[in-house]
Amino acid sequence: MAVCEEVGLDDGRVMTVSLGDYKLPNVRDIPVHETTLVPGATHGPGPFNAKPAAEHAITPVPAAVANAVFNATSVRITELPITAEKVFEGMKRTPSRIQR
């Protein structure tokens, strides 16, 4: 979410025409994780009493990555995904924080 999955738009038209351009993460990009079921109320708000357990866990990650990039480079990226090209362009416009 922070560094891939960009849908390119040009004047409202989708320019990302294939999954090759969309840059989805693959099995090598995703760390091993473990699912833990947390007991709680017997009735959830979803169909068949399902409880939410998905993207709310990844919501803070892009902000954390953007802040890490800012701390390292003084470049504030405000649009996802955060790419090397965006950081490079920002570094050309931003004076360096490095003391010489």
Protein backbone atom coordinates (compact mmCIF):
# COMPACT_ATOMS: atom_id res chain seq x y z
CA MET A 1 0.00 0.00 0.00
CA ALA A 2 2.81 2.42 0.82
CA VAL A 3 5.18 1.58 -2.01
CA CYS A 4 3.10 -0.10 -4.74
CA GLU A 5 -0.41 -0.38 -6.22
CA GLU A 6 -0.53 2.94 -8.07
CA VAL A 7 -3.43 3.58 -10.42
CA GLY A 8 -2.19 6.13 -12.95
CA LEU A 9 -4.73 8.73 -14.06
CA ASP A 10 -4.55 11.25 -16.89
CA ASP A 11 -7.45 13.70 -17.07
CA GLY A 12 -9.68 11.19 -15.28
CA ARG A 13 -8.71 8.25 -17.50
CA VAL A 14 -7.06 5.19 -15.99
CA MET A 15 -3.61 4.78 -17.54
CA THR A 16 -2.66 1.61 -15.61
CA VAL A 17 -3.92 -0.82 -18.23
CA SER A 18 -2.55 -4.11 -16.89
CA LEU A 19 -1.50 -5.80 -13.66
CA GLY A 20 2.08 -5.56 -14.96
CA ASP A 21 1.80 -1.78 -14.61
CA TYR A 22 -0.10 -1.94 -11.31
CA LYS A 23 2.83 -3.49 -9.37
CA LEU A 24 1.12 -5.78 -6.90
CA PRO A 25 3.30 -7.27 -4.16
CA ASN A 26 4.13 -10.92 -4.63
CA VAL A 27 5.02 -13.68 -2.17
CA ARG A 28 8.66 -12.49 -1.92
CA ASP A 29 7.55 -8.96 -0.95
CA ILE A 30 5.30 -9.96 1.95
CA PRO A 31 6.78 -11.07 5.28
CA VAL A 32 5.63 -14.24 7.00
CA HIS A 33 2.71 -13.51 9.29
CA GLU A 34 0.52 -15.41 11.66
CA THR A 35 -3.23 -15.06 12.04
CA THR A 36 -4.55 -14.90 15.58
CA LEU A 37 -8.23 -15.22 16.28
CA VAL A 38 -9.25 -13.04 19.20
CA PRO A 39 -12.23 -14.25 21.20
CA GLY A 40 -14.87 -11.69 21.91
CA ALA A 41 -18.53 -11.03 21.52
CA THR A 42 -20.39 -13.86 19.84
CA HIS A 43 -22.17 -11.55 17.39
CA GLY A 44 -20.36 -9.40 14.86
CA PRO A 45 -21.85 -6.63 12.71
CA GLY A 46 -21.27 -8.42 9.38
CA PRO A 47 -23.21 -11.10 7.54
CA PHE A 48 -23.37 -14.38 9.49
CA ASN A 49 -22.11 -12.41 12.55
CA ALA A 50 -18.69 -11.81 10.94
CA LYS A 51 -16.25 -9.49 12.71
CA PRO A 52 -13.86 -7.09 10.92
CA ALA A 53 -10.25 -8.21 10.74
CA ALA A 54 -8.63 -6.79 7.62
CA GLU A 55 -7.18 -3.53 6.40
CA HIS A 56 -7.49 -1.56 9.62
CA ALA A 57 -4.17 -3.15 10.65
CA ILE A 58 -2.30 -1.71 7.64
CA THR A 59 -3.76 1.81 7.69
CA PRO A 60 -0.90 3.39 9.71
CA VAL A 61 1.87 1.77 7.62
CA PRO A 62 1.94 4.28 4.71
CA ALA A 63 2.11 7.20 7.15
CA ALA A 64 4.96 5.51 9.02
CA VAL A 65 6.86 4.91 5.77
CA ALA A 66 6.27 8.53 4.66
CA ASN A 67 7.55 9.80 8.02
CA ALA A 68 10.62 7.54 7.78
CA VAL A 69 11.35 8.93 4.30
CA PHE A 70 10.93 12.48 5.63
CA ASN A 71 13.22 11.82 8.62
CA ALA A 72 15.89 10.36 6.32
CA THR A 73 15.68 12.83 3.43
CA SER A 74 13.66 15.93 4.49
CA VAL A 75 11.31 15.12 1.60
CA ARG A 76 7.60 14.99 2.47
CA ILE A 77 5.72 12.57 0.19
CA THR A 78 1.96 13.15 0.32
CA GLU A 79 0.73 10.82 -2.43
CA LEU A 80 0.87 7.05 -2.47
CA PRO A 81 2.71 5.05 -3.50
CA ILE A 82 6.01 6.34 -2.15
CA THR A 83 8.49 5.69 -4.96
CA ALA A 84 12.19 6.30 -5.44
CA GLU A 85 11.33 8.68 -8.28
CA LYS A 86 9.14 10.85 -6.00
CA VAL A 87 11.85 10.92 -3.33
CA PHE A 88 14.51 11.83 -5.92
CA GLU A 89 12.39 14.65 -7.35
CA GLY A 90 11.73 15.93 -3.84
CA MET A 91 15.42 15.80 -2.97
CA LYS A 92 16.23 17.95 -6.00
CA ARG A 93 13.83 20.61 -4.66
CA THR A 94 14.67 20.32 -0.94
CA PRO A 95 17.88 21.69 0.62
CA SER A 96 19.91 19.01 2.35
CA ARG A 97 19.74 18.63 6.13
CA ILE A 98 23.20 17.10 6.25
CA GLN A 99 25.71 19.29 8.05
CA ARG A 100 29.10 19.53 6.35
